[in-house]
PDB file of N, CA and C in Angstrom:
ATOM      1  N   MET A   1      -8.954 -11.409  -7.791  1.00  0.00           N
ATOM      2  CA  MET A   1      -9.256 -10.208  -7.349  1.00  0.00           C
ATOM      3  C   MET A   1      -9.683  -9.568  -7.197  1.00  0.00           C
ATOM      4  N   ASP A   2     -10.893  -8.825  -6.083  1.00  0.00           N
ATOM      5  CA  ASP A   2     -11.619  -7.975  -7.089  1.00  0.00           C
ATOM      6  C   ASP A   2     -11.447  -6.587  -6.876  1.00  0.00           C
ATOM      7  N   ILE A   3     -11.799  -5.289  -7.066  1.00  0.00           N
ATOM      8  CA  ILE A   3     -11.176  -4.251  -6.813  1.00  0.00           C
ATOM      9  C   ILE A   3     -11.500  -3.473  -5.881  1.00  0.00           C
ATOM     10  N   LEU A   4     -12.034  -4.056  -4.941  1.00  0.00           N
ATOM     11  CA  LEU A   4     -11.228  -3.116  -3.698  1.00  0.00           C
ATOM     12  C   LEU A   4      -9.993  -4.243  -2.707  1.00  0.00           C
ATOM     13  N   GLU A   5      -9.980  -5.456  -3.467  1.00  0.00           N
ATOM     14  CA  GLU A   5      -9.301  -6.361  -2.336  1.00  0.00           C
ATOM     15  C   GLU A   5      -7.734  -5.280  -3.915  1.00  0.00           C
ATOM     16  N   LYS A   6      -7.682  -5.031  -4.822  1.00  0.00           N
ATOM     17  CA  LYS A   6      -6.927  -4.616  -5.371  1.00  0.00           C
ATOM     18  C   LYS A   6      -6.208  -3.485  -4.545  1.00  0.00           C
ATOM     19  N   THR A   7      -7.265  -2.624  -4.791  1.00  0.00           N
ATOM     20  CA  THR A   7      -7.448  -1.011  -4.033  1.00  0.00           C
ATOM     21  C   THR A   7      -6.564  -0.945  -2.661  1.00  0.00           C
ATOM     22  N   LEU A   8      -7.347  -2.002  -2.090  1.00  0.00           N
ATOM     23  CA  LEU A   8      -6.185  -1.992  -0.848  1.00  0.00           C
ATOM     24  C   LEU A   8      -5.025  -2.816  -0.432  1.00  0.00           C
ATOM     25  N   GLU A   9      -4.387  -4.059  -1.309  1.00  0.00           N
ATOM     26  CA  GLU A   9      -3.370  -4.424  -1.480  1.00  0.00           C
ATOM     27  C   GLU A   9      -2.572  -2.853  -2.379  1.00  0.00           C
ATOM     28  N   LEU A  10      -3.041  -2.101  -2.833  1.00  0.00           N
ATOM     29  CA  LEU A  10      -1.747  -0.703  -3.706  1.00  0.00           C
ATOM     30  C   LEU A  10      -1.922   0.258  -2.615  1.00  0.00           C
ATOM     31  N   GLN A  11      -3.138   0.275  -1.637  1.00  0.00           N
ATOM     32  CA  GLN A  11      -2.893   0.949  -0.536  1.00  0.00           C
ATOM     33  C   GLN A  11      -1.635   0.952   0.397  1.00  0.00           C
ATOM     34  N   SER A  12      -1.316  -0.532   0.361  1.00  0.00           N
ATOM     35  CA  SER A  12      -0.650  -1.383   1.284  1.00  0.00           C
ATOM     36  C   SER A  12       0.849  -0.720   0.745  1.00  0.00           C
ATOM     37  N   LEU A  13       0.683  -1.056  -0.634  1.00  0.00           N
ATOM     38  CA  LEU A  13       2.146  -0.824  -1.143  1.00  0.00           C
ATOM     39  C   LEU A  13       2.371   0.554  -1.576  1.00  0.00           C
ATOM     40  N   TYR A  14       1.537   1.647  -1.550  1.00  0.00           N
ATOM     41  CA  TYR A  14       1.744   2.656  -1.530  1.00  0.00           C
ATOM     42  C   TYR A  14       2.472   3.053   0.132  1.00  0.00           C
ATOM     43  N   ASP A  15       1.532   2.715   1.282  1.00  0.00           N
ATOM     44  CA  ASP A  15       2.178   3.190   2.396  1.00  0.00           C
ATOM     45  C   ASP A  15       3.821   2.846   2.163  1.00  0.00           C
ATOM     46  N   LEU A  16       4.199   1.617   1.737  1.00  0.00           N
ATOM     47  CA  LEU A  16       5.678   1.079   1.788  1.00  0.00           C
ATOM     48  C   LEU A  16       6.525   1.874   1.285  1.00  0.00           C
ATOM     49  N   TYR A  17       5.790   2.039  -0.137  1.00  0.00           N
ATOM     50  CA  TYR A  17       7.164   2.286  -1.189  1.00  0.00           C
ATOM     51  C   TYR A  17       7.156   3.826  -1.733  1.00  0.00           C
ATOM     52  N   ASN A  18       5.901   4.687  -0.848  1.00  0.00           N
ATOM     53  CA  ASN A  18       5.590   6.413  -1.378  1.00  0.00           C
ATOM     54  C   ASN A  18       7.134   7.031  -1.686  1.00  0.00           C
ATOM     55  N   PRO A  19       8.037   6.779  -0.809  1.00  0.00           N
ATOM     56  CA  PRO A  19       9.206   8.069  -0.514  1.00  0.00           C
ATOM     57  C   PRO A  19       9.752   7.586  -1.677  1.00  0.00           C
ATOM     58  N   LEU A  20       9.804   6.640  -2.676  1.00  0.00           N
ATOM     59  CA  LEU A  20      10.192   6.314  -3.744  1.00  0.00           C
ATOM     60  C   LEU A  20       9.829   6.869  -5.296  1.00  0.00           C
ATOM     61  N   LEU A  21       8.734   7.325  -5.024  1.00  0.00           N
ATOM     62  CA  LEU A  21       7.477   8.223  -6.040  1.00  0.00           C
ATOM     63  C   LEU A  21       8.393   9.307  -6.454  1.00  0.00           C
ATOM     64  N   THR A  22       7.260  10.138  -7.388  1.00  0.00           N
ATOM     65  CA  THR A  22       7.714  11.478  -7.489  1.00  0.00           C
ATOM     66  C   THR A  22       6.457  12.209  -6.933  1.00  0.00           C
ATOM     67  N   ASP A  23       7.030  13.444  -6.309  1.00  0.00           N
ATOM     68  CA  ASP A  23       5.791  13.914  -6.109  1.00  0.00           C
ATOM     69  C   ASP A  23       4.451  13.953  -6.840  1.00  0.00           C
ATOM     70  N   LYS A  24       4.310  13.977  -7.984  1.00  0.00           N
ATOM     71  CA  LYS A  24       3.136  14.159  -9.136  1.00  0.00           C
ATOM     72  C   LYS A  24       2.980  12.796  -9.027  1.00  0.00           C
ATOM     73  N   GLN A  25       3.482  11.973  -8.755  1.00  0.00           N
ATOM     74  CA  GLN A  25       3.129  10.343  -8.406  1.00  0.00           C
ATOM     75  C   GLN A  25       2.433  10.272  -7.477  1.00  0.00           C
ATOM     76  N   LYS A  26       2.826   9.829  -6.364  1.00  0.00           N
ATOM     77  CA  LYS A  26       2.137  10.491  -5.147  1.00  0.00           C
ATOM     78  C   LYS A  26       1.028  11.524  -4.766  1.00  0.00           C
ATOM     79  N   ARG A  27       0.531  12.158  -5.795  1.00  0.00           N
ATOM     80  CA  ARG A  27      -0.386  13.555  -6.014  1.00  0.00           C
ATOM     81  C   ARG A  27      -0.887  12.527  -6.812  1.00  0.00           C
ATOM     82  N   TYR A  28      -1.399  12.489  -7.749  1.00  0.00           N
ATOM     83  CA  TYR A  28      -2.118  11.100  -8.520  1.00  0.00           C
ATOM     84  C   TYR A  28      -2.564  10.994  -7.844  1.00  0.00           C
ATOM     85  N   PHE A  29      -1.337   9.758  -7.651  1.00  0.00           N
ATOM     86  CA  PHE A  29      -2.023   8.134  -7.158  1.00  0.00           C
ATOM     87  C   PHE A  29      -2.993   8.452  -5.295  1.00  0.00           C
ATOM     88  N   GLU A  30      -3.234   9.597  -4.920  1.00  0.00           N
ATOM     89  CA  GLU A  30      -3.270   9.737  -3.296  1.00  0.00           C
ATOM     90  C   GLU A  30      -4.839  10.638  -3.868  1.00  0.00           C
ATOM     91  N   GLN A  31      -4.845  10.888  -5.117  1.00  0.00           N
ATOM     92  CA  GLN A  31      -6.190  12.172  -5.604  1.00  0.00           C
ATOM     93  C   GLN A  31      -7.109  10.673  -5.706  1.00  0.00           C
ATOM     94  N   TYR A  32      -6.260   9.331  -6.340  1.00  0.00           N
ATOM     95  CA  TYR A  32      -7.154   8.284  -7.069  1.00  0.00           C
ATOM     96  C   TYR A  32      -8.076   7.586  -6.052  1.00  0.00           C
ATOM     97  N   TYR A  33      -6.543   6.705  -5.739  1.00  0.00           N
ATOM     98  CA  TYR A  33      -6.617   5.471  -4.553  1.00  0.00           C
ATOM     99  C   TYR A  33      -7.074   6.077  -3.037  1.00  0.00           C
ATOM    100  N   PHE A  34      -7.192   7.157  -2.793  1.00  0.00           N
ATOM    101  CA  PHE A  34      -7.100   7.697  -1.163  1.00  0.00           C
ATOM    102  C   PHE A  34      -8.764   8.545  -1.020  1.00  0.00           C
ATOM    103  N   ASP A  35      -8.190   9.290  -1.868  1.00  0.00           N
ATOM    104  CA  ASP A  35      -9.780  10.500  -1.415  1.00  0.00           C
ATOM    105  C   ASP A  35     -10.530  10.741  -2.546  1.00  0.00           C
ATOM    106  N   ASP A  36     -10.668   9.248  -3.546  1.00  0.00           N
ATOM    107  CA  ASP A  36     -11.651   8.751  -5.120  1.00  0.00           C
ATOM    108  C   ASP A  36     -12.116   9.872  -5.676  1.00  0.00           C
ATOM    109  N   PHE A  37     -11.466  10.692  -6.033  1.00  0.00           N
ATOM    110  CA  PHE A  37     -11.204  11.565  -7.541  1.00  0.00           C
ATOM    111  C   PHE A  37     -11.161  10.577  -8.802  1.00  0.00           C
ATOM    112  N   SER A  38     -11.685  11.203  -9.528  1.00  0.00           N
ATOM    113  CA  SER A  38     -12.415  10.200 -10.491  1.00  0.00           C
ATOM    114  C   SER A  38     -11.311  11.100 -11.775  1.00  0.00           C
ATOM    115  N   ILE A  39     -10.294  10.304 -12.272  1.00  0.00           N
ATOM    116  CA  ILE A  39      -9.239  10.794 -13.472  1.00  0.00           C
ATOM    117  C   ILE A  39      -9.862  11.770 -14.157  1.00  0.00           C
ATOM    118  N   SER A  40     -11.275  12.298 -14.947  1.00  0.00           N
ATOM    119  CA  SER A  40     -11.533  13.120 -15.172  1.00  0.00           C
ATOM    120  C   SER A  40     -11.144  14.496 -14.117  1.00  0.00           C
ATOM    121  N   GLU A  41     -11.583  14.202 -12.940  1.00  0.00           N
ATOM    122  CA  GLU A  41     -11.638  15.201 -12.039  1.00  0.00           C
ATOM    123  C   GLU A  41      -9.845  15.527 -11.974  1.00  0.00           C
ATOM    124  N   ILE A  42      -9.135  14.479 -11.573  1.00  0.00           N
ATOM    125  CA  ILE A  42      -7.791  14.411 -11.674  1.00  0.00           C
ATOM    126  C   ILE A  42      -6.865  15.418 -12.869  1.00  0.00           C
ATOM    127  N   SER A  43      -7.703  15.007 -13.667  1.00  0.00           N
ATOM    128  CA  SER A  43      -7.509  15.714 -15.076  1.00  0.00           C
ATOM    129  C   SER A  43      -7.730  17.565 -15.021  1.00  0.00           C
ATOM    130  N   GLU A  44      -8.930  18.089 -14.461  1.00  0.00           N
ATOM    131  CA  GLU A  44      -9.374  19.006 -13.971  1.00  0.00           C
ATOM    132  C   GLU A  44      -8.838  19.324 -13.314  1.00  0.00           C
ATOM    133  N   ASN A  45      -8.133  19.122 -12.051  1.00  0.00           N
ATOM    134  CA  ASN A  45      -7.527  19.818 -11.403  1.00  0.00           C
ATOM    135  C   ASN A  45      -5.853  19.924 -11.252  1.00  0.00           C
ATOM    136  N   GLU A  46      -5.409  19.141 -12.328  1.00  0.00           N
ATOM    137  CA  GLU A  46      -4.168  19.231 -12.304  1.00  0.00           C
ATOM    138  C   GLU A  46      -3.765  19.574 -13.934  1.00  0.00           C
ATOM    139  N   ASN A  47      -5.014  20.266 -14.315  1.00  0.00           N
ATOM    140  CA  ASN A  47      -4.336  21.087 -15.900  1.00  0.00           C
ATOM    141  C   ASN A  47      -3.816  20.045 -16.952  1.00  0.00           C
ATOM    142  N   ILE A  48      -4.259  18.362 -16.860  1.00  0.00           N
ATOM    143  CA  ILE A  48      -3.819  17.708 -18.007  1.00  0.00           C
ATOM    144  C   ILE A  48      -4.735  16.992 -19.187  1.00  0.00           C
ATOM    145  N   SER A  49      -4.477  16.435 -19.840  1.00  0.00           N
ATOM    146  CA  SER A  49      -5.245  15.082 -20.374  1.00  0.00           C
ATOM    147  C   SER A  49      -5.290  14.104 -19.454  1.00  0.00           C
ATOM    148  N   ARG A  50      -6.935  13.324 -19.755  1.00  0.00           N
ATOM    149  CA  ARG A  50      -7.432  12.294 -19.208  1.00  0.00           C
ATOM    150  C   ARG A  50      -6.662  11.413 -19.233  1.00  0.00           C
ATOM    151  N   ASN A  51      -6.049  10.900 -20.571  1.00  0.00           N
ATOM    152  CA  ASN A  51      -5.034   9.930 -21.756  1.00  0.00           C
ATOM    153  C   ASN A  51      -3.687  10.514 -20.395  1.00  0.00           C
ATOM    154  N   GLY A  52      -3.237  11.321 -20.228  1.00  0.00           N
ATOM    155  CA  GLY A  52      -2.256  11.873 -19.019  1.00  0.00           C
ATOM    156  C   GLY A  52      -2.335  10.873 -18.001  1.00  0.00           C
ATOM    157  N   VAL A  53      -3.275  10.974 -16.978  1.00  0.00           N
ATOM    158  CA  VAL A  53      -4.015  10.819 -15.952  1.00  0.00           C
ATOM    159  C   VAL A  53      -3.739   9.734 -15.679  1.00  0.00           C
ATOM    160  N   HIS A  54      -3.925   9.106 -16.620  1.00  0.00           N
ATOM    161  CA  HIS A  54      -3.961   7.064 -16.851  1.00  0.00           C
ATOM    162  C   HIS A  54      -3.705   6.944 -16.999  1.00  0.00           C
ATOM    163  N   ASP A  55      -2.299   7.744 -17.423  1.00  0.00           N
ATOM    164  CA  ASP A  55      -0.658   6.638 -18.088  1.00  0.00           C
ATOM    165  C   ASP A  55      -0.540   6.906 -16.704  1.00  0.00           C
ATOM    166  N   LEU A  56       0.027   8.207 -16.079  1.00  0.00           N
ATOM    167  CA  LEU A  56       0.709   7.945 -15.305  1.00  0.00           C
ATOM    168  C   LEU A  56       0.263   7.255 -13.654  1.00  0.00           C
ATOM    169  N   LEU A  57      -1.066   7.076 -13.842  1.00  0.00           N
ATOM    170  CA  LEU A  57      -1.095   5.956 -12.486  1.00  0.00           C
ATOM    171  C   LEU A  57      -1.207   4.484 -13.063  1.00  0.00           C
ATOM    172  N   LYS A  58      -0.929   3.765 -14.080  1.00  0.00           N
ATOM    173  CA  LYS A  58      -0.560   3.153 -14.830  1.00  0.00           C
ATOM    174  C   LYS A  58       0.935   2.745 -14.463  1.00  0.00           C
ATOM    175  N   ARG A  59       1.984   3.695 -14.754  1.00  0.00           N
ATOM    176  CA  ARG A  59       2.976   3.579 -14.485  1.00  0.00           C
ATOM    177  C   ARG A  59       3.425   3.931 -12.886  1.00  0.00           C
ATOM    178  N   THR A  60       2.427   4.808 -11.896  1.00  0.00           N
ATOM    179  CA  THR A  60       2.946   3.986 -10.826  1.00  0.00           C
ATOM    180  C   THR A  60       2.349   2.877 -10.058  1.00  0.00           C
ATOM    181  N   VAL A  61       1.629   2.463 -10.500  1.00  0.00           N
ATOM    182  CA  VAL A  61       1.294   1.247  -9.802  1.00  0.00           C
ATOM    183  C   VAL A  61       1.872   0.148 -10.535  1.00  0.00           C
ATOM    184  N   GLN A  62       2.716   0.312 -11.702  1.00  0.00           N
ATOM    185  CA  GLN A  62       3.941  -0.547 -12.241  1.00  0.00           C
ATOM    186  C   GLN A  62       4.921  -0.814 -11.105  1.00  0.00           C
ATOM    187  N   LYS A  63       5.298   0.464 -11.175  1.00  0.00           N
ATOM    188  CA  LYS A  63       6.147   1.213 -10.525  1.00  0.00           C
ATOM    189  C   LYS A  63       6.533  -0.177  -9.279  1.00  0.00           C
ATOM    190  N   LEU A  64       4.874   0.316  -8.447  1.00  0.00           N
ATOM    191  CA  LEU A  64       4.258  -0.480  -6.781  1.00  0.00           C
ATOM    192  C   LEU A  64       4.713  -1.715  -6.848  1.00  0.00           C
ATOM    193  N   TYR A  65       3.974  -2.551  -8.077  1.00  0.00           N
ATOM    194  CA  TYR A  65       4.627  -3.758  -8.055  1.00  0.00           C
ATOM    195  C   TYR A  65       5.833  -4.291  -8.548  1.00  0.00           C
ATOM    196  N   ASP A  66       6.969  -3.631  -9.243  1.00  0.00           N
ATOM    197  CA  ASP A  66       8.265  -3.113  -9.570  1.00  0.00           C
ATOM    198  C   ASP A  66       9.013  -3.499  -7.835  1.00  0.00           C
ATOM    199  N   LEU A  67       8.853  -2.695  -7.556  1.00  0.00           N
ATOM    200  CA  LEU A  67       8.974  -2.565  -6.268  1.00  0.00           C
ATOM    201  C   LEU A  67       8.748  -3.518  -5.125  1.00  0.00           C
ATOM    202  N   GLU A  68       8.225  -4.004  -5.043  1.00  0.00           N
ATOM    203  CA  GLU A  68       7.203  -5.000  -4.225  1.00  0.00           C
ATOM    204  C   GLU A  68       8.109  -5.899  -4.721  1.00  0.00           C
ATOM    205  N   MET A  69       8.370  -6.895  -6.383  1.00  0.00           N
ATOM    206  CA  MET A  69       9.248  -8.170  -6.434  1.00  0.00           C
ATOM    207  C   MET A  69      10.015  -7.842  -6.123  1.00  0.00           C
ATOM    208  N   LYS A  70      11.196  -6.603  -5.976  1.00  0.00           N
ATOM    209  CA  LYS A  70      12.377  -6.884  -5.873  1.00  0.00           C
ATOM    210  C   LYS A  70      12.865  -6.716  -4.544  1.00  0.00           C
ATOM    211  N   LEU A  71      11.578  -6.385  -3.552  1.00  0.00           N
ATOM    212  CA  LEU A  71      12.348  -5.765  -2.213  1.00  0.00           C
ATOM    213  C   LEU A  71      11.120  -6.774  -1.053  1.00  0.00           C
ATOM    214  N   HIS A  72       9.758  -7.165  -1.741  1.00  0.00           N
ATOM    215  CA  HIS A  72       9.104  -7.958  -1.135  1.00  0.00           C
ATOM    216  C   HIS A  72       8.756  -7.525   0.316  1.00  0.00           C
ATOM    217  N   LEU A  73       9.156  -6.113   0.673  1.00  0.00           N
ATOM    218  CA  LEU A  73       8.536  -5.811   2.423  1.00  0.00           C
ATOM    219  C   LEU A  73       7.417  -5.913   2.298  1.00  0.00           C
ATOM    220  N   HIS A  74       5.940  -5.947   1.435  1.00  0.00           N
ATOM    221  CA  HIS A  74       4.556  -6.327   1.717  1.00  0.00           C
ATOM    222  C   HIS A  74       4.401  -7.487   2.066  1.00  0.00           C
ATOM    223  N   GLU A  75       5.067  -8.388   1.340  1.00  0.00           N
ATOM    224  CA  GLU A  75       4.861  -9.872   1.315  1.00  0.00           C
ATOM    225  C   GLU A  75       5.340 -10.536   2.964  1.00  0.00           C
ATOM    226  N   GLN A  76       6.541 -10.042   3.815  1.00  0.00           N
ATOM    227  CA  GLN A  76       7.377  -9.890   4.434  1.00  0.00           C
ATOM    228  C   GLN A  76       6.842  -9.448   5.871  1.00  0.00           C
ATOM    229  N   ALA A  77       6.033  -8.464   5.370  1.00  0.00           N
ATOM    230  CA  ALA A  77       4.832  -7.473   6.363  1.00  0.00           C
ATOM    231  C   ALA A  77       3.461  -8.901   6.593  1.00  0.00           C
ATOM    232  N   LYS A  78       3.083  -9.014   5.587  1.00  0.00           N
ATOM    233  CA  LYS A  78       1.740  -9.821   5.647  1.00  0.00           C
ATOM    234  C   LYS A  78       2.600 -11.569   6.695  1.00  0.00           C
ATOM    235  N   LYS A  79       3.621 -12.063   5.747  1.00  0.00           N
ATOM    236  CA  LYS A  79       4.323 -13.325   6.453  1.00  0.00           C
ATOM    237  C   LYS A  79       3.953 -13.019   7.929  1.00  0.00           C
ATOM    238  N   ARG A  80       4.343 -11.204   8.538  1.00  0.00           N
ATOM    239  CA  ARG A  80       4.441 -11.692   9.676  1.00  0.00           C
ATOM    240  C   ARG A  80       3.572 -10.788  10.420  1.00  0.00           C
ATOM    241  N   GLU A  81       2.232 -10.397  10.087  1.00  0.00           N
ATOM    242  CA  GLU A  81       1.122 -10.158  10.518  1.00  0.00           C
ATOM    243  C   GLU A  81       0.460 -11.398  10.908  1.00  0.00           C
ATOM    244  N   GLU A  82       0.561 -12.631  10.017  1.00  0.00           N
ATOM    245  CA  GLU A  82       0.368 -14.160  10.358  1.00  0.00           C
ATOM    246  C   GLU A  82       0.945 -14.816  10.945  1.00  0.00           C
ATOM    247  N   ILE A  83       2.334 -14.240  11.698  1.00  0.00           N
ATOM    248  CA  ILE A  83       3.142 -15.411  12.413  1.00  0.00           C
ATOM    249  C   ILE A  83       1.925 -14.291  14.134  1.00  0.00           C
ATOM    250  N   HIS A  84       1.857 -13.128  13.947  1.00  0.00           N
ATOM    251  CA  HIS A  84       1.759 -12.558  15.216  1.00  0.00           C
ATOM    252  C   HIS A  84       0.184 -13.276  15.626  1.00  0.00           C
ATOM    253  N   GLN A  85      -0.664 -12.951  14.500  1.00  0.00           N
ATOM    254  CA  GLN A  85      -1.951 -13.757  14.573  1.00  0.00           C
ATOM    255  C   GLN A  85      -2.001 -15.240  15.568  1.00  0.00           C
ATOM    256  N   LYS A  86      -1.197 -16.310  14.705  1.00  0.00           N
ATOM    257  CA  LYS A  86      -0.689 -17.089  15.128  1.00  0.00           C
ATOM    258  C   LYS A  86      -0.724 -17.604  16.733  1.00  0.00           C
ATOM    259  N   TYR A  87       0.651 -16.538  16.961  1.00  0.00           N
ATOM    260  CA  TYR A  87       0.630 -16.979  18.258  1.00  0.00           C
ATOM    261  C   TYR A  87      -0.874 -15.895  19.687  1.00  0.00           C
ATOM    262  N   ASP A  88      -1.099 -14.824  18.622  1.00  0.00           N
ATOM    263  CA  ASP A  88      -2.283 -14.447  19.684  1.00  0.00           C
ATOM    264  C   ASP A  88      -3.695 -15.377  19.882  1.00  0.00           C
ATOM    265  N   LYS A  89      -3.216 -16.461  19.135  1.00  0.00           N
ATOM    266  CA  LYS A  89      -4.653 -17.177  20.022  1.00  0.00           C
ATOM    267  C   LYS A  89      -3.984 -18.590  19.694  1.00  0.00           C
ATOM    268  N   LYS A  90      -3.098 -19.204  19.899  1.00  0.00           N
ATOM    269  CA  LYS A  90      -2.818 -20.644  20.238  1.00  0.00           C
ATOM    270  C   LYS A  90      -2.566 -20.509  21.843  1.00  0.00           C
ATOM    271  N   GLY A  91      -2.384 -19.263  22.368  1.00  0.00           N
ATOM    272  CA  GLY A  91      -1.999 -19.967  24.173  1.00  0.00           C
ATOM    273  C   GLY A  91      -2.579 -18.699  24.783  1.00  0.00           C
ATOM    274  N   SER A  92      -2.140 -19.040  26.274  1.00  0.00           N
ATOM    275  CA  SER A  92      -2.963 -17.914  27.733  1.00  0.00           C
ATOM    276  C   SER A  92      -1.388 -17.248  27.956  1.00  0.00           C
ATOM    277  N   ASP A  93      -0.413 -17.841  27.280  1.00  0.00           N
ATOM    278  CA  ASP A  93       1.274 -17.910  27.338  1.00  0.00           C
ATOM    279  C   ASP A  93       0.762 -16.082  26.976  1.00  0.00           C
ATOM    280  N   GLU A  94       1.408 -15.094  29.062  1.00  0.00           N
ATOM    281  CA  GLU A  94       1.095 -13.840  28.791  1.00  0.00           C
ATOM    282  C   GLU A  94       2.722 -13.515  28.236  1.00  0.00           C
ATOM    283  N   THR A  95       4.288 -14.142  28.380  1.00  0.00           N
ATOM    284  CA  THR A  95       5.389 -13.793  28.309  1.00  0.00           C
ATOM    285  C   THR A  95       4.924 -13.409  26.692  1.00  0.00           C
ATOM    286  N   ILE A  96       4.706 -14.546  26.103  1.00  0.00           N
ATOM    287  CA  ILE A  96       4.258 -14.437  24.467  1.00  0.00           C
ATOM    288  C   ILE A  96       3.282 -13.065  23.952  1.00  0.00           C
ATOM    289  N   HIS A  97       2.160 -13.150  24.607  1.00  0.00           N
ATOM    290  CA  HIS A  97       1.256 -11.562  24.573  1.00  0.00           C
ATOM    291  C   HIS A  97       2.210 -10.788  24.751  1.00  0.00           C
ATOM    292  N   LYS A  98       2.975 -10.182  25.688  1.00  0.00           N
ATOM    293  CA  LYS A  98       3.974  -9.044  25.954  1.00  0.00           C
ATOM    294  C   LYS A  98       4.726  -9.015  24.903  1.00  0.00           C
ATOM    295  N   LEU A  99       5.658 -10.141  24.555  1.00  0.00           N
ATOM    296  CA  LEU A  99       6.398  -9.754  23.560  1.00  0.00           C
ATOM    297  C   LEU A  99       5.333  -9.595  22.222  1.00  0.00           C
ATOM    298  N   LEU A 100       5.054 -10.128  21.324  1.00  0.00           N
ATOM    299  CA  LEU A 100       4.276  -9.785  20.778  1.00  0.00           C
ATOM    300  C   LEU A 100       3.492  -8.533  20.461  1.00  0.00           C
ATOM    301  N   GLU A 101       3.574  -7.801  21.631  1.00  0.00           N
ATOM    302  CA  GLU A 101       3.019  -6.164  21.575  1.00  0.00           C
ATOM    303  C   GLU A 101       4.486  -5.920  21.579  1.00  0.00           C
ATOM    304  N   GLU A 102       5.462  -6.148  22.498  1.00  0.00           N
ATOM    305  CA  GLU A 102       6.183  -5.233  21.905  1.00  0.00           C
ATOM    306  C   GLU A 102       7.282  -5.014  20.472  1.00  0.00           C
ATOM    307  N   LEU A 103       7.145  -6.616  19.978  1.00  0.00           N
ATOM    308  CA  LEU A 103       7.284  -5.965  18.317  1.00  0.00           C
ATOM    309  C   LEU A 103       6.419  -5.066  17.709  1.00  0.00           C
ATOM    310  N   ARG A 104       5.329  -5.983  17.631  1.00  0.00           N
ATOM    311  CA  ARG A 104       4.419  -4.741  17.185  1.00  0.00           C
ATOM    312  C   ARG A 104       4.481  -3.124  17.212  1.00  0.00           C
ATOM    313  N   LYS A 105       5.109  -2.707  18.218  1.00  0.00           N
ATOM    314  CA  LYS A 105       5.505  -1.613  18.697  1.00  0.00           C
ATOM    315  C   LYS A 105       6.189  -1.452  17.715  1.00  0.00           C
ATOM    316  N   VAL A 106       7.860  -1.731  18.025  1.00  0.00           N
ATOM    317  CA  VAL A 106       9.045  -1.793  17.285  1.00  0.00           C
ATOM    318  C   VAL A 106       9.000  -1.925  15.385  1.00  0.00           C
ATOM    319  N   GLU A 107       7.562  -2.079  15.067  1.00  0.00           N
ATOM    320  CA  GLU A 107       7.493  -2.394  13.804  1.00  0.00           C
ATOM    321  C   GLU A 107       6.563  -1.490  13.251  1.00  0.00           C
TER     322      GLU A 107
END
């Protein structure tokens, strides 16, 4: 898995599980993975050592992976999307397309 794929996966996990993180974990994660701040920039902004930022990010990433291992929400969402795409490609049945759109709105 390359860096871009890993970043996208972590962002998806964050979208699902961020309510389970502390405010500090959210803030550092967002700065690093969404705002593209370096560890040094976060360190300066938060008045903490670079090692402290690195450790907190590492623990946050591990927590996101642990939550996914237990709850499988990301995996289930990917499977649902694959099913949606199969139905979209399969046919011209207007009813199927309408139901899929309705299902997407609910999710």
